[in-house]
C-alpha atoms as a PDB file:
ATOM      1  CA  MET A   1      21.130   1.724  10.858  1.00  0.00           C
ATOM      2  CA  LYS A   2      22.991   4.998  10.716  1.00  0.00           C
ATOM      3  CA  LEU A   3      21.419   8.439  10.439  1.00  0.00           C
ATOM      4  CA  ILE A   4      23.097  10.124   7.470  1.00  0.00           C
ATOM      5  CA  LYS A   5      20.946  13.203   6.888  1.00  0.00           C
ATOM      6  CA  LYS A   6      18.046  15.169   8.336  1.00  0.00           C
ATOM      7  CA  TYR A   7      15.798  17.544   6.383  1.00  0.00           C
ATOM      8  CA  ASN A   8      13.712  20.246   8.097  1.00  0.00           C
ATOM      9  CA  ASP A   9      10.766  22.340   6.864  1.00  0.00           C
ATOM     10  CA  VAL A  10      10.036  19.782   4.174  1.00  0.00           C
ATOM     11  CA  ASN A  11       7.245  17.494   3.046  1.00  0.00           C
ATOM     12  CA  PHE A  12       8.471  14.083   1.896  1.00  0.00           C
ATOM     13  CA  LEU A  13       6.326  13.029  -1.071  1.00  0.00           C
ATOM     14  CA  GLY A  14       8.077   9.758  -1.776  1.00  0.00           C
ATOM     15  CA  LEU A  15      10.636   8.272  -4.153  1.00  0.00           C
ATOM     16  CA  ILE A  16      10.977   8.367  -7.928  1.00  0.00           C
ATOM     17  CA  ASP A  17      13.682   6.112  -9.334  1.00  0.00           C
ATOM     18  CA  ASN A  18      14.943   5.791  -5.739  1.00  0.00           C
ATOM     19  CA  GLN A  19      15.408   9.565  -5.542  1.00  0.00           C
ATOM     20  CA  MET A  20      13.665  11.684  -2.916  1.00  0.00           C
ATOM     21  CA  VAL A  21      10.858  13.998  -3.993  1.00  0.00           C
ATOM     22  CA  LEU A  22      10.748  16.862  -1.479  1.00  0.00           C
ATOM     23  CA  ARG A  23       8.091  19.553  -1.181  1.00  0.00           C
ATOM     24  CA  TYR A  24       9.304  22.919   0.075  1.00  0.00           C
ATOM     25  CA  LYS A  25       7.231  26.095   0.512  1.00  0.00           C
ATOM     26  CA  ASP A  26       7.741  27.329  -3.035  1.00  0.00           C
ATOM     27  CA  HIS A  27       8.861  24.316  -5.053  1.00  0.00           C
ATOM     28  CA  VAL A  28       9.079  20.553  -5.420  1.00  0.00           C
ATOM     29  CA  GLU A  29      12.597  19.159  -5.737  1.00  0.00           C
ATOM     30  CA  LEU A  30      13.938  15.928  -7.218  1.00  0.00           C
ATOM     31  CA  GLY A  31      17.712  15.978  -7.611  1.00  0.00           C
ATOM     32  CA  GLU A  32      18.441  19.055  -9.716  1.00  0.00           C
ATOM     33  CA  GLU A  33      14.861  19.262 -11.022  1.00  0.00           C
ATOM     34  CA  PHE A  34      12.406  21.854  -9.631  1.00  0.00           C
ATOM     35  CA  ILE A  35       8.704  22.503 -10.102  1.00  0.00           C
ATOM     36  CA  HIS A  36       7.341  25.830  -8.878  1.00  0.00           C
ATOM     37  CA  ALA A  37       4.673  25.537  -6.194  1.00  0.00           C
ATOM     38  CA  GLU A  38       2.154  27.918  -4.690  1.00  0.00           C
ATOM     39  CA  LYS A  39       1.088  27.842  -1.049  1.00  0.00           C
ATOM     40  CA  ASP A  40      -2.125  25.891  -1.691  1.00  0.00           C
ATOM     41  CA  ASP A  41      -0.735  23.460  -4.249  1.00  0.00           C
ATOM     42  CA  ASP A  42      -1.201  19.834  -3.317  1.00  0.00           C
ATOM     43  CA  PHE A  43       1.215  17.364  -4.871  1.00  0.00           C
ATOM     44  CA  ILE A  44       0.695  13.618  -4.919  1.00  0.00           C
ATOM     45  CA  ILE A  45       3.270  11.007  -5.865  1.00  0.00           C
ATOM     46  CA  TRP A  46       2.484   7.335  -6.313  1.00  0.00           C
ATOM     47  CA  ASN A  47       4.783   4.723  -4.796  1.00  0.00           C
ATOM     48  CA  ASN A  48       7.576   3.450  -7.032  1.00  0.00           C
ATOM     49  CA  SER A  49       6.238   5.480  -9.919  1.00  0.00           C
ATOM     50  CA  SER A  50       7.361   8.465 -11.929  1.00  0.00           C
ATOM     51  CA  TYR A  51       3.921  10.059 -11.692  1.00  0.00           C
ATOM     52  CA  LEU A  52       3.569  13.425  -9.953  1.00  0.00           C
ATOM     53  CA  SER A  53       0.226  15.248  -9.834  1.00  0.00           C
ATOM     54  CA  LEU A  54      -0.340  18.930  -9.009  1.00  0.00           C
ATOM     55  CA  THR A  55      -3.988  18.725  -8.013  1.00  0.00           C
ATOM     56  CA  ARG A  56      -4.863  22.410  -7.561  1.00  0.00           C
ATOM     57  CA  ASN A  57      -4.124  23.297 -11.174  1.00  0.00           C
ATOM     58  CA  LYS A  58      -4.766  19.751 -12.408  1.00  0.00           C
ATOM     59  CA  LYS A  59      -1.260  19.569 -13.813  1.00  0.00           C
ATOM     60  CA  GLU A  60       0.464  16.219 -14.116  1.00  0.00           C
ATOM     61  CA  TYR A  61       4.101  15.379 -14.652  1.00  0.00           C
ATOM     62  CA  VAL A  62       6.167  12.311 -15.349  1.00  0.00           C
ATOM     63  CA  TYR A  63       9.873  12.001 -14.580  1.00  0.00           C
ATOM     64  CA  ILE A  64      11.677  10.697 -17.680  1.00  0.00           C
ATOM     65  CA  ASP A  65      15.393  10.939 -18.498  1.00  0.00           C
ATOM     66  CA  ASN A  66      16.036  13.054 -15.379  1.00  0.00           C
ATOM     67  CA  LYS A  67      13.415  15.624 -16.359  1.00  0.00           C
ATOM     68  CA  PHE A  68       9.869  16.431 -15.295  1.00  0.00           C
ATOM     69  CA  ARG A  69       7.729  16.338 -18.429  1.00  0.00           C
ATOM     70  CA  PRO A  70       3.994  16.833 -19.045  1.00  0.00           C
ATOM     71  CA  TRP A  71       2.035  13.648 -18.442  1.00  0.00           C
ATOM     72  CA  PRO A  72       1.350  11.780 -21.718  1.00  0.00           C
ATOM     73  CA  HIS A  73      -2.383  11.176 -21.558  1.00  0.00           C
ATOM     74  CA  GLY A  74      -3.833   7.903 -22.678  1.00  0.00           C
ATOM     75  CA  ARG A  75      -6.793   7.101 -24.910  1.00  0.00           C
ATOM     76  CA  TYR A  76      -9.247   8.233 -22.224  1.00  0.00           C
ATOM     77  CA  GLY A  77      -7.437  11.298 -20.971  1.00  0.00           C
ATOM     78  CA  ASP A  78      -6.370  10.894 -17.364  1.00  0.00           C
ATOM     79  CA  ALA A  79      -3.753   8.202 -16.963  1.00  0.00           C
ATOM     80  CA  SER A  80      -3.116   5.818 -14.094  1.00  0.00           C
ATOM     81  CA  PRO A  81       0.200   5.744 -12.227  1.00  0.00           C
ATOM     82  CA  GLU A  82       0.709   2.069 -13.012  1.00  0.00           C
ATOM     83  CA  ASN A  83       1.510   2.519 -16.687  1.00  0.00           C
ATOM     84  CA  LEU A  84       2.087   5.678 -18.710  1.00  0.00           C
ATOM     85  CA  ARG A  85      -0.442   4.662 -21.324  1.00  0.00           C
ATOM     86  CA  ASP A  86      -3.226   3.362 -19.075  1.00  0.00           C
ATOM     87  CA  SER A  87      -6.299   5.547 -18.810  1.00  0.00           C
ATOM     88  CA  ALA A  88      -9.959   5.414 -17.805  1.00  0.00           C
ATOM     89  CA  ILE A  89     -13.100   7.475 -18.233  1.00  0.00           C
ATOM     90  CA  LEU A  90     -16.713   7.424 -17.035  1.00  0.00           C
ATOM     91  CA  GLU A  91     -18.946   8.535 -19.891  1.00  0.00           C
ATOM     92  CA  ASN A  92     -22.667   8.153 -20.629  1.00  0.00           C
ATOM     93  CA  GLY A  93     -23.139   5.326 -18.160  1.00  0.00           C
ATOM     94  CA  ARG A  94     -20.070   3.408 -19.360  1.00  0.00           C
ATOM     95  CA  TYR A  95     -16.794   2.857 -17.524  1.00  0.00           C
ATOM     96  CA  LYS A  96     -14.040   2.572 -20.115  1.00  0.00           C
ATOM     97  CA  LEU A  97     -10.511   1.448 -19.336  1.00  0.00           C
ATOM     98  CA  SER A  98      -7.491   1.216 -21.611  1.00  0.00           C
ATOM     99  CA  PHE A  99      -4.417  -0.673 -20.428  1.00  0.00           C
ATOM    100  CA  PHE A 100      -1.329  -2.113 -22.056  1.00  0.00           C
ATOM    101  CA  LEU A 101       0.016  -5.606 -21.516  1.00  0.00           C
ATOM    102  CA  GLU A 102       3.237  -6.653 -23.245  1.00  0.00           C
ATOM    103  CA  GLY A 103       2.846  -3.808 -25.722  1.00  0.00           C
ATOM    104  CA  THR A 104      -0.753  -4.649 -26.682  1.00  0.00           C
ATOM    105  CA  GLU A 105      -3.630  -2.331 -25.802  1.00  0.00           C
ATOM    106  CA  HIS A 106      -6.700  -3.895 -24.200  1.00  0.00           C
ATOM    107  CA  LEU A 107      -9.986  -1.995 -24.115  1.00  0.00           C
ATOM    108  CA  PHE A 108     -12.240  -2.737 -21.173  1.00  0.00           C
ATOM    109  CA  ASP A 109     -15.810  -1.378 -21.356  1.00  0.00           C
ATOM    110  CA  ILE A 110     -18.672  -2.075 -18.928  1.00  0.00           C
ATOM    111  CA  GLU A 111     -21.984  -0.489 -18.040  1.00  0.00           C
ATOM    112  CA  SER A 112     -21.536   1.589 -14.887  1.00  0.00           C
ATOM    113  CA  ASN A 113     -22.196   4.944 -13.252  1.00  0.00           C
ATOM    114  CA  ILE A 114     -19.151   4.665 -10.985  1.00  0.00           C
ATOM    115  CA  HIS A 115     -15.551   5.645 -11.673  1.00  0.00           C
ATOM    116  CA  TYR A 116     -13.695   2.722 -10.111  1.00  0.00           C
ATOM    117  CA  CYS A 117     -10.303   2.357  -8.573  1.00  0.00           C
ATOM    118  CA  TYR A 118      -8.838  -0.568 -10.473  1.00  0.00           C
ATOM    119  CA  ASP A 119      -6.047  -2.995  -9.920  1.00  0.00           C
ATOM    120  CA  SER A 120      -4.937  -4.399 -13.259  1.00  0.00           C
ATOM    121  CA  ILE A 121      -4.141  -7.828 -11.912  1.00  0.00           C
ATOM    122  CA  CYS A 122      -3.815  -8.911 -15.518  1.00  0.00           C
ATOM    123  CA  LYS A 123      -0.354  -7.301 -15.454  1.00  0.00           C
ATOM    124  CA  ASN A 124       0.724 -10.304 -13.454  1.00  0.00           C
ATOM    125  CA  LYS A 125       1.404 -12.467 -16.501  1.00  0.00           C
ATOM    126  CA  SER A 126      -0.248 -15.539 -14.955  1.00  0.00           C
ATOM    127  CA  LYS A 127      -3.687 -13.864 -14.782  1.00  0.00           C
ATOM    128  CA  ASP A 128      -6.216 -12.133 -16.978  1.00  0.00           C
ATOM    129  CA  VAL A 129      -8.478 -10.738 -14.268  1.00  0.00           C
ATOM    130  CA  ILE A 130      -9.310  -7.105 -13.519  1.00  0.00           C
ATOM    131  CA  MET A 131     -10.447  -6.238 -10.001  1.00  0.00           C
ATOM    132  CA  LEU A 132     -12.520  -3.092  -9.477  1.00  0.00           C
ATOM    133  CA  SER A 133     -13.228  -1.397  -6.163  1.00  0.00           C
ATOM    134  CA  VAL A 134     -14.787   1.808  -4.817  1.00  0.00           C
ATOM    135  CA  GLY A 135     -12.668   2.589  -1.784  1.00  0.00           C
ATOM    136  CA  SER A 136     -13.217   0.938   1.590  1.00  0.00           C
ATOM    137  CA  LEU A 137     -16.998   1.419   1.671  1.00  0.00           C
ATOM    138  CA  LYS A 138     -19.705  -1.235   1.533  1.00  0.00           C
ATOM    139  CA  ASN A 139     -19.480  -1.440  -2.235  1.00  0.00           C
ATOM    140  CA  PRO A 140     -18.626  -4.903  -3.573  1.00  0.00           C
ATOM    141  CA  LEU A 141     -15.374  -5.925  -5.199  1.00  0.00           C
ATOM    142  CA  LEU A 142     -15.991  -6.735  -8.856  1.00  0.00           C
ATOM    143  CA  PHE A 143     -13.977  -9.179 -10.921  1.00  0.00           C
ATOM    144  CA  TYR A 144     -13.932  -9.117 -14.725  1.00  0.00           C
ATOM    145  CA  SER A 145     -11.950 -10.689 -17.505  1.00  0.00           C
ATOM    146  CA  LYS A 146      -9.768  -8.236 -19.380  1.00  0.00           C
ATOM    147  CA  THR A 147     -12.300  -8.318 -22.228  1.00  0.00           C
ATOM    148  CA  GLY A 148     -15.046  -7.005 -19.911  1.00  0.00           C
ATOM    149  CA  GLU A 149     -16.781 -10.302 -19.127  1.00  0.00           C
ATOM    150  CA  PHE A 150     -18.213 -10.292 -15.587  1.00  0.00           C
ATOM    151  CA  LEU A 151     -16.763 -13.150 -13.527  1.00  0.00           C
ATOM    152  CA  TRP A 152     -17.949 -12.682  -9.925  1.00  0.00           C
ATOM    153  CA  GLN A 153     -18.209 -10.213  -7.086  1.00  0.00           C
ATOM    154  CA  TYR A 154     -17.620 -10.167  -3.370  1.00  0.00           C
ATOM    155  CA  THR A 155     -20.043  -8.289  -1.107  1.00  0.00           C
ATOM    156  CA  GLU A 156     -19.427  -8.067   2.625  1.00  0.00           C
ATOM    157  CA  GLU A 157     -22.689  -9.224   4.198  1.00  0.00           C
ATOM    158  CA  ASP A 158     -21.756  -8.460   7.801  1.00  0.00           C
ATOM    159  CA  ALA A 159     -23.213  -5.008   8.517  1.00  0.00           C
ATOM    160  CA  ASN A 160     -20.432  -4.327  11.047  1.00  0.00           C
ATOM    161  CA  LEU A 161     -17.557  -4.990   8.645  1.00  0.00           C
ATOM    162  CA  LYS A 162     -16.033  -3.229   5.639  1.00  0.00           C
ATOM    163  CA  ILE A 163     -13.602  -4.543   3.067  1.00  0.00           C
ATOM    164  CA  ASN A 164     -10.050  -3.315   3.552  1.00  0.00           C
ATOM    165  CA  CYS A 165      -9.552  -2.119  -0.022  1.00  0.00           C
ATOM    166  CA  LYS A 166      -6.080  -0.799   0.829  1.00  0.00           C
ATOM    167  CA  CYS A 167      -4.812  -4.349   1.247  1.00  0.00           C
ATOM    168  CA  ILE A 168      -6.054  -7.096  -1.097  1.00  0.00           C
ATOM    169  CA  PRO A 169      -3.122  -9.507  -1.598  1.00  0.00           C
ATOM    170  CA  VAL A 170      -3.072 -11.632  -4.747  1.00  0.00           C
ATOM    171  CA  VAL A 171      -0.850 -14.704  -5.002  1.00  0.00           C
ATOM    172  CA  ASP A 172      -1.069 -16.709  -8.211  1.00  0.00           C
ATOM    173  CA  ASP A 173      -4.794 -17.517  -8.608  1.00  0.00           C
ATOM    174  CA  VAL A 174      -5.720 -16.669  -5.018  1.00  0.00           C
ATOM    175  CA  VAL A 175      -7.088 -13.317  -3.871  1.00  0.00           C
ATOM    176  CA  VAL A 176      -7.221 -12.685  -0.114  1.00  0.00           C
ATOM    177  CA  ILE A 177     -10.034 -10.426   1.081  1.00  0.00           C
ATOM    178  CA  ILE A 178      -9.791  -8.829   4.524  1.00  0.00           C
ATOM    179  CA  SER A 179     -12.868  -7.423   6.255  1.00  0.00           C
ATOM    180  CA  GLN A 180     -12.551  -5.249   9.344  1.00  0.00           C
ATOM    181  CA  ASP A 181     -14.231  -2.861  11.740  1.00  0.00           C
ATOM    182  CA  CYS A 182     -12.171   0.332  12.194  1.00  0.00           C
ATOM    183  CA  GLY A 183      -8.917  -1.557  11.762  1.00  0.00           C
ATOM    184  CA  VAL A 184      -9.978  -4.493  13.973  1.00  0.00           C
ATOM    185  CA  MET A 185      -9.884  -7.807  12.144  1.00  0.00           C
ATOM    186  CA  GLY A 186     -13.232  -9.427  11.460  1.00  0.00           C
ATOM    187  CA  LYS A 187     -12.753 -11.865   8.611  1.00  0.00           C
ATOM    188  CA  VAL A 188      -9.960 -13.165   6.358  1.00  0.00           C
ATOM    189  CA  GLN A 189     -10.835 -15.280   3.333  1.00  0.00           C
ATOM    190  CA  GLY A 190      -9.120 -16.742   0.291  1.00  0.00           C
ATOM    191  CA  PHE A 191     -10.878 -17.062  -3.093  1.00  0.00           C
ATOM    192  CA  ASN A 192     -10.056 -18.352  -6.547  1.00  0.00           C
ATOM    193  CA  ILE A 193      -9.662 -15.080  -8.415  1.00  0.00           C
ATOM    194  CA  ARG A 194     -11.214 -16.431 -11.608  1.00  0.00           C
ATOM    195  CA  THR A 195     -14.232 -18.302 -10.269  1.00  0.00           C
ATOM    196  CA  GLY A 196     -14.912 -16.777  -6.853  1.00  0.00           C
ATOM    197  CA  GLU A 197     -14.760 -20.198  -5.193  1.00  0.00           C
ATOM    198  CA  LYS A 198     -14.038 -19.768  -1.490  1.00  0.00           C
ATOM    199  CA  LEU A 199     -10.916 -21.736  -0.678  1.00  0.00           C
ATOM    200  CA  TRP A 200     -10.651 -21.011   3.040  1.00  0.00           C
ATOM    201  CA  GLU A 201     -11.637 -18.709   5.871  1.00  0.00           C
ATOM    202  CA  LEU A 202      -9.805 -18.196   9.132  1.00  0.00           C
ATOM    203  CA  ASP A 203     -11.851 -19.573  11.979  1.00  0.00           C
ATOM    204  CA  ARG A 204     -12.900 -17.358  14.859  1.00  0.00           C
ATOM    205  CA  ARG A 205      -9.862 -18.207  16.979  1.00  0.00           C
ATOM    206  CA  ASP A 206      -7.460 -17.268  14.193  1.00  0.00           C
ATOM    207  CA  ARG A 207      -9.038 -13.965  13.251  1.00  0.00           C
ATOM    208  CA  ILE A 208      -6.848 -12.199  15.781  1.00  0.00           C
ATOM    209  CA  CYS A 209      -4.217 -11.132  13.301  1.00  0.00           C
ATOM    210  CA  SER A 210      -2.959  -8.189  11.307  1.00  0.00           C
ATOM    211  CA  ASN A 211      -5.304  -6.326   8.945  1.00  0.00           C
ATOM    212  CA  THR A 212      -2.391  -5.580   6.594  1.00  0.00           C
ATOM    213  CA  PHE A 213      -0.298  -8.240   4.863  1.00  0.00           C
ATOM    214  CA  PHE A 214       2.583  -8.190   2.397  1.00  0.00           C
ATOM    215  CA  VAL A 215       3.367 -10.861  -0.183  1.00  0.00           C
ATOM    216  CA  GLY A 216       6.818 -12.272   0.501  1.00  0.00           C
ATOM    217  CA  GLU A 217       9.269 -13.639  -2.034  1.00  0.00           C
ATOM    218  CA  ASP A 218       8.155 -17.125  -0.958  1.00  0.00           C
ATOM    219  CA  LYS A 219       4.479 -16.238  -1.720  1.00  0.00           C
ATOM    220  CA  MET A 220       3.568 -16.283   1.960  1.00  0.00           C
ATOM    221  CA  LEU A 221       1.737 -13.318   3.523  1.00  0.00           C
ATOM    222  CA  TYR A 222       3.388 -11.384   6.373  1.00  0.00           C
ATOM    223  CA  GLY A 223       2.187  -8.755   8.828  1.00  0.00           C
ATOM    224  CA  CYS A 224       2.355  -7.934  12.524  1.00  0.00           C
ATOM    225  CA  ILE A 225      -0.010  -6.946  15.323  1.00  0.00           C
ATOM    226  CA  VAL A 226       0.135  -6.060  19.032  1.00  0.00           C
ATOM    227  CA  LEU A 227      -2.039  -8.207  21.302  1.00  0.00           C
ATOM    228  CA  TYR A 228      -2.630  -7.742  25.025  1.00  0.00           C
ATOM    229  CA  PHE A 229      -2.686 -10.555  27.571  1.00  0.00           C
ATOM    230  CA  GLY A 230      -2.991  -9.822  31.274  1.00  0.00           C
ATOM    231  CA  GLY A 231      -1.919  -6.220  30.765  1.00  0.00           C
ATOM    232  CA  ILE A 232       1.213  -7.226  28.854  1.00  0.00           C
ATOM    233  CA  ALA A 233       1.614  -6.139  25.227  1.00  0.00           C
ATOM    234  CA  GLU A 234       2.966  -8.697  22.772  1.00  0.00           C
ATOM    235  CA  LEU A 235       4.141  -7.916  19.254  1.00  0.00           C
ATOM    236  CA  ASN A 236       3.211 -10.846  17.004  1.00  0.00           C
ATOM    237  CA  LEU A 237       4.578 -11.719  13.589  1.00  0.00           C
ATOM    238  CA  CYS A 238       1.649 -13.080  11.535  1.00  0.00           C
ATOM    239  CA  GLU A 239       2.195 -15.439   8.603  1.00  0.00           C
ATOM    240  CA  ILE A 240      -0.591 -16.778   6.368  1.00  0.00           C
ATOM    241  CA  ASN A 241      -0.324 -19.439   3.691  1.00  0.00           C
ATOM    242  CA  PRO A 242      -2.562 -17.905   0.959  1.00  0.00           C
ATOM    243  CA  PHE A 243      -3.308 -21.306  -0.572  1.00  0.00           C
ATOM    244  CA  THR A 244      -4.484 -23.053   2.604  1.00  0.00           C
ATOM    245  CA  GLY A 245      -5.292 -20.214   4.998  1.00  0.00           C
ATOM    246  CA  LYS A 246      -3.005 -21.632   7.664  1.00  0.00           C
ATOM    247  CA  LEU A 247      -2.051 -18.870  10.115  1.00  0.00           C
ATOM    248  CA  GLU A 248       1.025 -18.830  12.330  1.00  0.00           C
ATOM    249  CA  ARG A 249       1.618 -16.204  15.015  1.00  0.00           C
ATOM    250  CA  THR A 250       4.984 -15.777  16.672  1.00  0.00           C
ATOM    251  CA  VAL A 251       5.603 -13.446  19.616  1.00  0.00           C
ATOM    252  CA  VAL A 252       8.705 -11.405  18.784  1.00  0.00           C
ATOM    253  CA  GLN A 253       8.577  -8.887  21.626  1.00  0.00           C
ATOM    254  CA  LYS A 254       6.868  -8.314  25.001  1.00  0.00           C
ATOM    255  CA  ASP A 255       6.785  -4.773  26.304  1.00  0.00           C
ATOM    256  CA  ASN A 256       4.094  -2.751  28.076  1.00  0.00           C
ATOM    257  CA  ASP A 257       4.983   0.378  26.084  1.00  0.00           C
ATOM    258  CA  LEU A 258       4.408  -1.122  22.617  1.00  0.00           C
ATOM    259  CA  ASP A 259       2.354   1.100  20.296  1.00  0.00           C
ATOM    260  CA  VAL A 260       2.452  -0.564  16.877  1.00  0.00           C
ATOM    261  CA  CYS A 261      -0.450  -0.395  14.399  1.00  0.00           C
ATOM    262  CA  SER A 262      -0.647  -3.125  11.741  1.00  0.00           C
ATOM    263  CA  TRP A 263      -0.883  -0.569   8.929  1.00  0.00           C
ATOM    264  CA  ASN A 264       2.240   1.344  10.019  1.00  0.00           C
ATOM    265  CA  VAL A 265       4.418  -1.398   8.566  1.00  0.00           C
ATOM    266  CA  THR A 266       6.249  -1.990   5.291  1.00  0.00           C
ATOM    267  CA  MET A 267       8.121  -4.973   3.900  1.00  0.00           C
ATOM    268  CA  HIS A 268      11.383  -5.013   1.988  1.00  0.00           C
ATOM    269  CA  GLY A 269      13.133  -8.240   1.129  1.00  0.00           C
ATOM    270  CA  ARG A 270      12.648 -10.662   4.007  1.00  0.00           C
ATOM    271  CA  ARG A 271      12.118  -8.010   6.657  1.00  0.00           C
ATOM    272  CA  LEU A 272       9.181  -6.087   8.088  1.00  0.00           C
ATOM    273  CA  TYR A 273       9.858  -2.504   9.158  1.00  0.00           C
ATOM    274  CA  TYR A 274       7.354  -1.185  11.696  1.00  0.00           C
ATOM    275  CA  ALA A 275       6.791   2.178  13.367  1.00  0.00           C
ATOM    276  CA  ASP A 276       6.467   2.074  17.148  1.00  0.00           C
ATOM    277  CA  ASN A 277       4.755   5.202  18.482  1.00  0.00           C
ATOM    278  CA  ARG A 278       5.787   4.650  22.091  1.00  0.00           C
ATOM    279  CA  GLU A 279       7.271   7.624  23.955  1.00  0.00           C
ATOM    280  CA  GLY A 280      10.293   8.804  21.985  1.00  0.00           C
ATOM    281  CA  LYS A 281       9.244   6.704  18.917  1.00  0.00           C
ATOM    282  CA  GLU A 282      11.297   4.047  17.210  1.00  0.00           C
ATOM    283  CA  ILE A 283      11.541   1.865  14.116  1.00  0.00           C
ATOM    284  CA  GLY A 284      11.812  -1.877  14.558  1.00  0.00           C
ATOM    285  CA  VAL A 285      12.892  -4.567  12.083  1.00  0.00           C
ATOM    286  CA  ILE A 286      11.552  -8.136  12.067  1.00  0.00           C
ATOM    287  CA  ASP A 287      13.383 -10.851  10.138  1.00  0.00           C
ATOM    288  CA  VAL A 288      10.555 -13.106   8.912  1.00  0.00           C
ATOM    289  CA  ASP A 289      12.857 -16.109   8.489  1.00  0.00           C
ATOM    290  CA  ARG A 290      14.408 -15.899  11.942  1.00  0.00           C
ATOM    291  CA  LYS A 291      11.035 -14.776  13.369  1.00  0.00           C
ATOM    292  CA  GLU A 292      12.670 -12.233  15.640  1.00  0.00           C
ATOM    293  CA  ILE A 293      13.457  -8.554  15.928  1.00  0.00           C
ATOM    294  CA  VAL A 294      16.928  -7.949  14.531  1.00  0.00           C
ATOM    295  CA  GLU A 295      17.175  -4.187  15.025  1.00  0.00           C
ATOM    296  CA  ARG A 296      15.503  -1.302  16.855  1.00  0.00           C
ATOM    297  CA  GLN A 297      16.229   2.296  15.955  1.00  0.00           C
ATOM    298  CA  PRO A 298      15.223   4.863  18.627  1.00  0.00           C
ATOM    299  CA  LEU A 299      14.154   8.178  17.099  1.00  0.00           C
ATOM    300  CA  GLU A 300      14.356  10.192  20.350  1.00  0.00           C
ATOM    301  CA  ILE A 301      11.488  12.504  19.398  1.00  0.00           C
ATOM    302  CA  LYS A 302      10.450  14.528  22.425  1.00  0.00           C
ATOM    303  CA  LYS A 303       7.183  15.920  21.060  1.00  0.00           C
ATOM    304  CA  ASN A 304       3.930  13.957  21.048  1.00  0.00           C
ATOM    305  CA  VAL A 305       3.673  13.155  17.339  1.00  0.00           C
ATOM    306  CA  THR A 306       2.714  10.127  15.262  1.00  0.00           C
ATOM    307  CA  ILE A 307       4.984   8.421  12.762  1.00  0.00           C
ATOM    308  CA  GLY A 308       3.859   6.166   9.932  1.00  0.00           C
ATOM    309  CA  ALA A 309       5.475   3.289   8.068  1.00  0.00           C
ATOM    310  CA  PRO A 310       8.994   4.051   6.833  1.00  0.00           C
ATOM    311  CA  VAL A 311       9.931   3.926   3.158  1.00  0.00           C
ATOM    312  CA  VAL A 312      12.673   1.360   2.577  1.00  0.00           C
ATOM    313  CA  THR A 313      15.030   0.600  -0.326  1.00  0.00           C
ATOM    314  CA  ASP A 314      17.981  -1.759  -0.589  1.00  0.00           C
ATOM    315  CA  ASP A 315      20.336   0.626   1.204  1.00  0.00           C
ATOM    316  CA  ARG A 316      18.209   3.423   2.703  1.00  0.00           C
ATOM    317  CA  MET A 317      15.339   3.945   5.099  1.00  0.00           C
ATOM    318  CA  TYR A 318      13.282   7.158   5.056  1.00  0.00           C
ATOM    319  CA  VAL A 319      11.352   8.188   8.167  1.00  0.00           C
ATOM    320  CA  TYR A 320       9.051  11.170   7.744  1.00  0.00           C
ATOM    321  CA  ILE A 321       7.580  12.923  10.791  1.00  0.00           C
ATOM    322  CA  ARG A 322       4.716  14.818   9.200  1.00  0.00           C
ATOM    323  CA  GLU A 323       3.806  16.932  12.234  1.00  0.00           C
ATOM    324  CA  LEU A 324       7.390  18.211  12.435  1.00  0.00           C
ATOM    325  CA  ASN A 325       7.926  18.522   8.660  1.00  0.00           C
ATOM    326  CA  GLU A 326      11.084  16.525   9.212  1.00  0.00           C
ATOM    327  CA  LEU A 327      12.627  13.757   7.139  1.00  0.00           C
ATOM    328  CA  ARG A 328      15.364  11.468   8.417  1.00  0.00           C
ATOM    329  CA  VAL A 329      17.424   9.308   6.086  1.00  0.00           C
ATOM    330  CA  TYR A 330      19.181   6.212   7.443  1.00  0.00           C
ATOM    331  CA  GLU A 331      21.807   4.009   5.864  1.00  0.00           C
ATOM    332  CA  LEU A 332      21.010   0.301   6.200  1.00  0.00           C
END
């Protein structure tokens, strides 16, 4: 890695079309495009999307043809970041969802008093299942056909655990549900996404693994976690076969100063990029095929701050230090 640029007094919102979206005191900047901003404006950008929301004034923009344009609302008004024409509304005890698949609009309508977060799994062409969730609370995960037919639901029965709704990997017809207690793994299970049949569950000995997994190009799940044995910290690469539930853990580093959280990780290609919040901070890179660390990038930050997962593209890595309002861009 090579540091090629550093930005100060900036808030890094994310990437649109692999271009940085930067929030300054009085404007948001993407290339040569600017949007005026007031002090209290709160902008949100969704990963790998052209959707930009100005929440204070409820203004929404989409980046098309190198221009910020007003958001084209869907049938039900507010649109999701996944597809320009998708939209949902909660009205008179009905939750209505409109989404497009291969150019055809599908209308999903169920009885509900809750405005769900939804993952249109049906956009994976091998499935026709919609998964609905209400954050990481005790609410169940609901599974419907795209025509609104109820299929099944998962409810976490352990009073000490909550579903990790931020990470629900889906591989072919298998959905992997992770339950945890404040980030500590409690249960990992695989289900048939259409029928709800439980296919596997990690046994008690194997539950010591990451609470965040990424689907690799080979359809395996990858994550990492720090475990402590006899006062020594070990960084483990975790690999789960989503079809069988087989877990493999490989120690890739031993170091007493390790400070890596499973959720401060991202995956690009065949590599995991993790943030290590040890003194000085650093970014590490794990090659999941070689099962070893192939690079470590010291950040040499003197202040006591926390860094999150980097944003990675084919040729760049973006490390944002929120407490310093500093963005560093590295060439890979």
